[in-house]
Amino acid sequence: GVPAAERERVFERFVRLDEARTRDDGGAGLGLAIARDVAVRHGGALTVREAAAGGALFELRLPAPPGGG
């Protein structure tokens, strides 16, 4: 999961919460920042909260296109 105090921070560029991971292990800390930016630019949102079964639940919401199609 993502600790409550860190939930907004995961959307910042180059932020990686797992200090044990190196850049060689994968990830530059850009994916969630890019995903949120794309969502916002399309009138949507990307959020994170605690999942009912434990762990993190990321939710992407985008508006329906005009005409509902």
PDB file of N, CA and C in Angstrom:
ATOM      1  N   GLY A   1       0.811  -1.186   0.000  1.00  0.00           N
ATOM      2  CA  GLY A   1       0.000   0.000   0.000  1.00  0.00           C
ATOM      3  C   GLY A   1       0.858   1.254   0.000  1.00  0.00           C
ATOM      4  N   VAL A   2       0.194   2.359   0.041  1.00  0.00           N
ATOM      5  CA  VAL A   2       0.857   3.661   0.096  1.00  0.00           C
ATOM      6  C   VAL A   2       0.428   4.320   1.402  1.00  0.00           C
ATOM      7  N   PRO A   3       1.378   4.647   2.288  1.00  0.00           N
ATOM      8  CA  PRO A   3       1.012   5.296   3.548  1.00  0.00           C
ATOM      9  C   PRO A   3       0.213   6.576   3.297  1.00  0.00           C
ATOM     10  N   ALA A   4      -0.773   6.840   4.137  1.00  0.00           N
ATOM     11  CA  ALA A   4      -1.651   8.001   3.958  1.00  0.00           C
ATOM     12  C   ALA A   4      -0.855   9.296   3.800  1.00  0.00           C
ATOM     13  N   ALA A   5       0.202   9.453   4.557  1.00  0.00           N
ATOM     14  CA  ALA A   5       0.999  10.683   4.501  1.00  0.00           C
ATOM     15  C   ALA A   5       1.746  10.846   3.185  1.00  0.00           C
ATOM     16  N   GLU A   6       1.884   9.773   2.419  1.00  0.00           N
ATOM     17  CA  GLU A   6       2.652   9.808   1.170  1.00  0.00           C
ATOM     18  C   GLU A   6       1.771   9.773  -0.077  1.00  0.00           C
ATOM     19  N   ARG A   7       0.478   9.702   0.080  1.00  0.00           N
ATOM     20  CA  ARG A   7      -0.410   9.462  -1.070  1.00  0.00           C
ATOM     21  C   ARG A   7      -0.345  10.537  -2.138  1.00  0.00           C
ATOM     22  N   GLU A   8      -0.268  11.797  -1.786  1.00  0.00           N
ATOM     23  CA  GLU A   8      -0.162  12.841  -2.817  1.00  0.00           C
ATOM     24  C   GLU A   8       1.253  12.902  -3.374  1.00  0.00           C
ATOM     25  N   ARG A   9       2.199  12.546  -2.547  1.00  0.00           N
ATOM     26  CA  ARG A   9       3.602  12.616  -2.964  1.00  0.00           C
ATOM     27  C   ARG A   9       3.933  11.647  -4.096  1.00  0.00           C
ATOM     28  N   VAL A  10       3.233  10.525  -4.189  1.00  0.00           N
ATOM     29  CA  VAL A  10       3.537   9.541  -5.235  1.00  0.00           C
ATOM     30  C   VAL A  10       3.280  10.081  -6.632  1.00  0.00           C
ATOM     31  N   PHE A  11       2.527  11.178  -6.731  1.00  0.00           N
ATOM     32  CA  PHE A  11       2.228  11.772  -8.032  1.00  0.00           C
ATOM     33  C   PHE A  11       3.238  12.846  -8.435  1.00  0.00           C
ATOM     34  N   GLU A  12       4.236  13.098  -7.599  1.00  0.00           N
ATOM     35  CA  GLU A  12       5.286  14.060  -7.931  1.00  0.00           C
ATOM     36  C   GLU A  12       6.334  13.378  -8.807  1.00  0.00           C
ATOM     37  N   ARG A  13       6.919  14.149  -9.710  1.00  0.00           N
ATOM     38  CA  ARG A  13       7.948  13.600 -10.601  1.00  0.00           C
ATOM     39  C   ARG A  13       9.179  13.157  -9.808  1.00  0.00           C
ATOM     40  N   PHE A  14       9.727  12.036 -10.202  1.00  0.00           N
ATOM     41  CA  PHE A  14      10.960  11.451  -9.671  1.00  0.00           C
ATOM     42  C   PHE A  14      10.844  10.957  -8.230  1.00  0.00           C
ATOM     43  N   VAL A  15       9.633  10.837  -7.717  1.00  0.00           N
ATOM     44  CA  VAL A  15       9.439  10.320  -6.360  1.00  0.00           C
ATOM     45  C   VAL A  15       9.267   8.812  -6.430  1.00  0.00           C
ATOM     46  N   ARG A  16      10.053   8.121  -5.611  1.00  0.00           N
ATOM     47  CA  ARG A  16       9.924   6.672  -5.446  1.00  0.00           C
ATOM     48  C   ARG A  16       9.968   6.413  -3.954  1.00  0.00           C
ATOM     49  N   LEU A  17       8.937   5.820  -3.416  1.00  0.00           N
ATOM     50  CA  LEU A  17       8.843   5.638  -1.971  1.00  0.00           C
ATOM     51  C   LEU A  17       9.709   4.503  -1.461  1.00  0.00           C
ATOM     52  N   ASP A  18       9.976   3.513  -2.290  1.00  0.00           N
ATOM     53  CA  ASP A  18      10.760   2.352  -1.868  1.00  0.00           C
ATOM     54  C   ASP A  18      12.242   2.668  -2.015  1.00  0.00           C
ATOM     55  N   GLU A  19      12.881   3.004  -0.907  1.00  0.00           N
ATOM     56  CA  GLU A  19      14.299   3.380  -0.927  1.00  0.00           C
ATOM     57  C   GLU A  19      15.201   2.211  -1.322  1.00  0.00           C
ATOM     58  N   ALA A  20      14.696   0.982  -1.194  1.00  0.00           N
ATOM     59  CA  ALA A  20      15.510  -0.192  -1.517  1.00  0.00           C
ATOM     60  C   ALA A  20      15.684  -0.364  -3.022  1.00  0.00           C
ATOM     61  N   ARG A  21      14.797   0.232  -3.807  1.00  0.00           N
ATOM     62  CA  ARG A  21      14.881   0.092  -5.265  1.00  0.00           C
ATOM     63  C   ARG A  21      15.824   1.140  -5.825  1.00  0.00           C
ATOM     64  N   THR A  22      16.642   0.699  -6.749  1.00  0.00           N
ATOM     65  CA  THR A  22      17.514   1.638  -7.446  1.00  0.00           C
ATOM     66  C   THR A  22      16.947   1.864  -8.835  1.00  0.00           C
ATOM     67  N   ARG A  23      17.460   2.848  -9.521  1.00  0.00           N
ATOM     68  CA  ARG A  23      17.001   3.106 -10.884  1.00  0.00           C
ATOM     69  C   ARG A  23      17.313   1.909 -11.780  1.00  0.00           C
ATOM     70  N   ASP A  24      18.349   1.148 -11.450  1.00  0.00           N
ATOM     71  CA  ASP A  24      18.687  -0.048 -12.225  1.00  0.00           C
ATOM     72  C   ASP A  24      17.619  -1.133 -12.080  1.00  0.00           C
ATOM     73  N   ASP A  25      16.918  -1.125 -10.950  1.00  0.00           N
ATOM     74  CA  ASP A  25      15.862  -2.112 -10.706  1.00  0.00           C
ATOM     75  C   ASP A  25      14.578  -1.766 -11.445  1.00  0.00           C
ATOM     76  N   GLY A  26      14.529  -0.597 -12.011  1.00  0.00           N
ATOM     77  CA  GLY A  26      13.351  -0.186 -12.777  1.00  0.00           C
ATOM     78  C   GLY A  26      12.658   1.006 -12.171  1.00  0.00           C
ATOM     79  N   GLY A  27      12.173   1.835 -13.044  1.00  0.00           N
ATOM     80  CA  GLY A  27      11.396   2.986 -12.607  1.00  0.00           C
ATOM     81  C   GLY A  27      12.238   4.210 -12.346  1.00  0.00           C
ATOM     82  N   ALA A  28      11.741   5.315 -12.855  1.00  0.00           N
ATOM     83  CA  ALA A  28      12.403   6.601 -12.627  1.00  0.00           C
ATOM     84  C   ALA A  28      11.534   7.498 -11.764  1.00  0.00           C
ATOM     85  N   GLY A  29      10.354   7.010 -11.386  1.00  0.00           N
ATOM     86  CA  GLY A  29       9.459   7.831 -10.592  1.00  0.00           C
ATOM     87  C   GLY A  29       8.667   8.819 -11.425  1.00  0.00           C
ATOM     88  N   LEU A  30       8.429   8.486 -12.676  1.00  0.00           N
ATOM     89  CA  LEU A  30       7.693   9.395 -13.563  1.00  0.00           C
ATOM     90  C   LEU A  30       6.306   8.893 -13.944  1.00  0.00           C
ATOM     91  N   GLY A  31       6.075   7.609 -13.877  1.00  0.00           N
ATOM     92  CA  GLY A  31       4.842   7.028 -14.399  1.00  0.00           C
ATOM     93  C   GLY A  31       3.569   7.610 -13.822  1.00  0.00           C
ATOM     94  N   LEU A  32       3.465   7.705 -12.503  1.00  0.00           N
ATOM     95  CA  LEU A  32       2.241   8.226 -11.903  1.00  0.00           C
ATOM     96  C   LEU A  32       2.084   9.717 -12.146  1.00  0.00           C
ATOM     97  N   ALA A  33       3.191  10.451 -12.186  1.00  0.00           N
ATOM     98  CA  ALA A  33       3.121  11.885 -12.491  1.00  0.00           C
ATOM     99  C   ALA A  33       2.596  12.100 -13.904  1.00  0.00           C
ATOM    100  N   ILE A  34       3.087  11.321 -14.838  1.00  0.00           N
ATOM    101  CA  ILE A  34       2.627  11.434 -16.230  1.00  0.00           C
ATOM    102  C   ILE A  34       1.161  11.022 -16.335  1.00  0.00           C
ATOM    103  N   ALA A  35       0.798   9.925 -15.699  1.00  0.00           N
ATOM    104  CA  ALA A  35      -0.584   9.443 -15.765  1.00  0.00           C
ATOM    105  C   ALA A  35      -1.558  10.470 -15.199  1.00  0.00           C
ATOM    106  N   ARG A  36      -1.204  11.090 -14.075  1.00  0.00           N
ATOM    107  CA  ARG A  36      -2.095  12.101 -13.493  1.00  0.00           C
ATOM    108  C   ARG A  36      -2.195  13.316 -14.408  1.00  0.00           C
ATOM    109  N   ASP A  37      -1.078  13.728 -14.986  1.00  0.00           N
ATOM    110  CA  ASP A  37      -1.082  14.877 -15.893  1.00  0.00           C
ATOM    111  C   ASP A  37      -1.989  14.614 -17.098  1.00  0.00           C
ATOM    112  N   VAL A  38      -1.893  13.430 -17.669  1.00  0.00           N
ATOM    113  CA  VAL A  38      -2.750  13.074 -18.811  1.00  0.00           C
ATOM    114  C   VAL A  38      -4.220  13.100 -18.385  1.00  0.00           C
ATOM    115  N   ALA A  39      -4.517  12.530 -17.224  1.00  0.00           N
ATOM    116  CA  ALA A  39      -5.897  12.511 -16.736  1.00  0.00           C
ATOM    117  C   ALA A  39      -6.437  13.928 -16.568  1.00  0.00           C
ATOM    118  N   VAL A  40      -5.668  14.794 -15.925  1.00  0.00           N
ATOM    119  CA  VAL A  40      -6.101  16.173 -15.677  1.00  0.00           C
ATOM    120  C   VAL A  40      -6.302  16.924 -16.987  1.00  0.00           C
ATOM    121  N   ARG A  41      -5.403  16.735 -17.927  1.00  0.00           N
ATOM    122  CA  ARG A  41      -5.520  17.423 -19.223  1.00  0.00           C
ATOM    123  C   ARG A  41      -6.754  16.982 -20.010  1.00  0.00           C
ATOM    124  N   HIS A  42      -7.284  15.829 -19.659  1.00  0.00           N
ATOM    125  CA  HIS A  42      -8.499  15.340 -20.312  1.00  0.00           C
ATOM    126  C   HIS A  42      -9.734  15.537 -19.432  1.00  0.00           C
ATOM    127  N   GLY A  43      -9.602  16.374 -18.408  1.00  0.00           N
ATOM    128  CA  GLY A  43     -10.734  16.677 -17.541  1.00  0.00           C
ATOM    129  C   GLY A  43     -11.025  15.628 -16.496  1.00  0.00           C
ATOM    130  N   GLY A  44     -10.070  14.765 -16.225  1.00  0.00           N
ATOM    131  CA  GLY A  44     -10.275  13.684 -15.274  1.00  0.00           C
ATOM    132  C   GLY A  44      -9.396  13.808 -14.049  1.00  0.00           C
ATOM    133  N   ALA A  45      -9.212  12.688 -13.383  1.00  0.00           N
ATOM    134  CA  ALA A  45      -8.417  12.659 -12.157  1.00  0.00           C
ATOM    135  C   ALA A  45      -7.823  11.268 -11.961  1.00  0.00           C
ATOM    136  N   LEU A  46      -6.681  11.228 -11.301  1.00  0.00           N
ATOM    137  CA  LEU A  46      -6.062   9.979 -10.871  1.00  0.00           C
ATOM    138  C   LEU A  46      -5.818  10.114  -9.379  1.00  0.00           C
ATOM    139  N   THR A  47      -6.390   9.214  -8.602  1.00  0.00           N
ATOM    140  CA  THR A  47      -6.273   9.278  -7.151  1.00  0.00           C
ATOM    141  C   THR A  47      -5.796   7.938  -6.605  1.00  0.00           C
ATOM    142  N   VAL A  48      -5.374   7.948  -5.355  1.00  0.00           N
ATOM    143  CA  VAL A  48      -4.964   6.720  -4.676  1.00  0.00           C
ATOM    144  C   VAL A  48      -5.580   6.716  -3.287  1.00  0.00           C
ATOM    145  N   ARG A  49      -5.986   5.527  -2.864  1.00  0.00           N
ATOM    146  CA  ARG A  49      -6.510   5.339  -1.511  1.00  0.00           C
ATOM    147  C   ARG A  49      -6.226   3.905  -1.094  1.00  0.00           C
ATOM    148  N   GLU A  50      -6.537   3.596   0.142  1.00  0.00           N
ATOM    149  CA  GLU A  50      -6.330   2.237   0.635  1.00  0.00           C
ATOM    150  C   GLU A  50      -7.419   1.330   0.075  1.00  0.00           C
ATOM    151  N   ALA A  51      -7.017   0.180  -0.419  1.00  0.00           N
ATOM    152  CA  ALA A  51      -7.976  -0.799  -0.933  1.00  0.00           C
ATOM    153  C   ALA A  51      -8.614  -1.552   0.228  1.00  0.00           C
ATOM    154  N   ALA A  52      -9.844  -1.976   0.053  1.00  0.00           N
ATOM    155  CA  ALA A  52     -10.566  -2.693   1.108  1.00  0.00           C
ATOM    156  C   ALA A  52      -9.826  -3.957   1.545  1.00  0.00           C
ATOM    157  N   ALA A  53      -9.197  -4.641   0.605  1.00  0.00           N
ATOM    158  CA  ALA A  53      -8.485  -5.882   0.910  1.00  0.00           C
ATOM    159  C   ALA A  53      -7.031  -5.639   1.305  1.00  0.00           C
ATOM    160  N   GLY A  54      -6.657  -4.373   1.459  1.00  0.00           N
ATOM    161  CA  GLY A  54      -5.280  -4.016   1.768  1.00  0.00           C
ATOM    162  C   GLY A  54      -4.557  -3.577   0.512  1.00  0.00           C
ATOM    163  N   GLY A  55      -3.458  -2.915   0.673  1.00  0.00           N
ATOM    164  CA  GLY A  55      -2.713  -2.405  -0.471  1.00  0.00           C
ATOM    165  C   GLY A  55      -3.263  -1.070  -0.924  1.00  0.00           C
ATOM    166  N   ALA A  56      -2.916  -0.702  -2.133  1.00  0.00           N
ATOM    167  CA  ALA A  56      -3.333   0.588  -2.679  1.00  0.00           C
ATOM    168  C   ALA A  56      -4.321   0.388  -3.816  1.00  0.00           C
ATOM    169  N   LEU A  57      -5.252   1.320  -3.923  1.00  0.00           N
ATOM    170  CA  LEU A  57      -6.215   1.323  -5.015  1.00  0.00           C
ATOM    171  C   LEU A  57      -6.053   2.648  -5.760  1.00  0.00           C
ATOM    172  N   PHE A  58      -5.601   2.561  -7.002  1.00  0.00           N
ATOM    173  CA  PHE A  58      -5.478   3.740  -7.855  1.00  0.00           C
ATOM    174  C   PHE A  58      -6.728   3.802  -8.712  1.00  0.00           C
ATOM    175  N   GLU A  59      -7.333   4.977  -8.767  1.00  0.00           N
ATOM    176  CA  GLU A  59      -8.577   5.143  -9.518  1.00  0.00           C
ATOM    177  C   GLU A  59      -8.401   6.243 -10.561  1.00  0.00           C
ATOM    178  N   LEU A  60      -8.645   5.884 -11.811  1.00  0.00           N
ATOM    179  CA  LEU A  60      -8.589   6.823 -12.929  1.00  0.00           C
ATOM    180  C   LEU A  60     -10.016   7.126 -13.350  1.00  0.00           C
ATOM    181  N   ARG A  61     -10.361   8.402 -13.332  1.00  0.00           N
ATOM    182  CA  ARG A  61     -11.697   8.827 -13.765  1.00  0.00           C
ATOM    183  C   ARG A  61     -11.544   9.805 -14.910  1.00  0.00           C
ATOM    184  N   LEU A  62     -12.245   9.516 -15.989  1.00  0.00           N
ATOM    185  CA  LEU A  62     -12.254  10.387 -17.159  1.00  0.00           C
ATOM    186  C   LEU A  62     -13.701  10.680 -17.520  1.00  0.00           C
ATOM    187  N   PRO A  63     -13.979  11.902 -17.986  1.00  0.00           N
ATOM    188  CA  PRO A  63     -15.354  12.213 -18.372  1.00  0.00           C
ATOM    189  C   PRO A  63     -15.752  11.447 -19.632  1.00  0.00           C
ATOM    190  N   ALA A  64     -17.033  11.163 -19.729  1.00  0.00           N
ATOM    191  CA  ALA A  64     -17.553  10.509 -20.937  1.00  0.00           C
ATOM    192  C   ALA A  64     -17.464  11.493 -22.097  1.00  0.00           C
ATOM    193  N   PRO A  65     -17.211  10.991 -23.284  1.00  0.00           N
ATOM    194  CA  PRO A  65     -17.151  11.890 -24.438  1.00  0.00           C
ATOM    195  C   PRO A  65     -18.527  12.503 -24.713  1.00  0.00           C
ATOM    196  N   PRO A  66     -18.564  13.667 -25.361  1.00  0.00           N
ATOM    197  CA  PRO A  66     -19.859  14.275 -25.697  1.00  0.00           C
ATOM    198  C   PRO A  66     -20.726  13.286 -26.476  1.00  0.00           C
ATOM    199  N   GLY A  67     -21.978  13.244 -26.143  1.00  0.00           N
ATOM    200  CA  GLY A  67     -22.889  12.323 -26.813  1.00  0.00           C
ATOM    201  C   GLY A  67     -22.910  10.946 -26.182  1.00  0.00           C
ATOM    202  N   GLY A  68     -22.116  10.757 -25.099  1.00  0.00           N
ATOM    203  CA  GLY A  68     -22.113   9.492 -24.375  1.00  0.00           C
ATOM    204  C   GLY A  68     -21.470   8.335 -25.103  1.00  0.00           C
ATOM    205  N   GLY A  69     -20.807   8.600 -26.234  1.00  0.00           N
ATOM    206  CA  GLY A  69     -20.291   7.526 -27.054  1.00  0.00           C
ATOM    207  C   GLY A  69     -18.943   7.106 -26.783  1.00  0.00           C
TER     208      GLY A  69
END
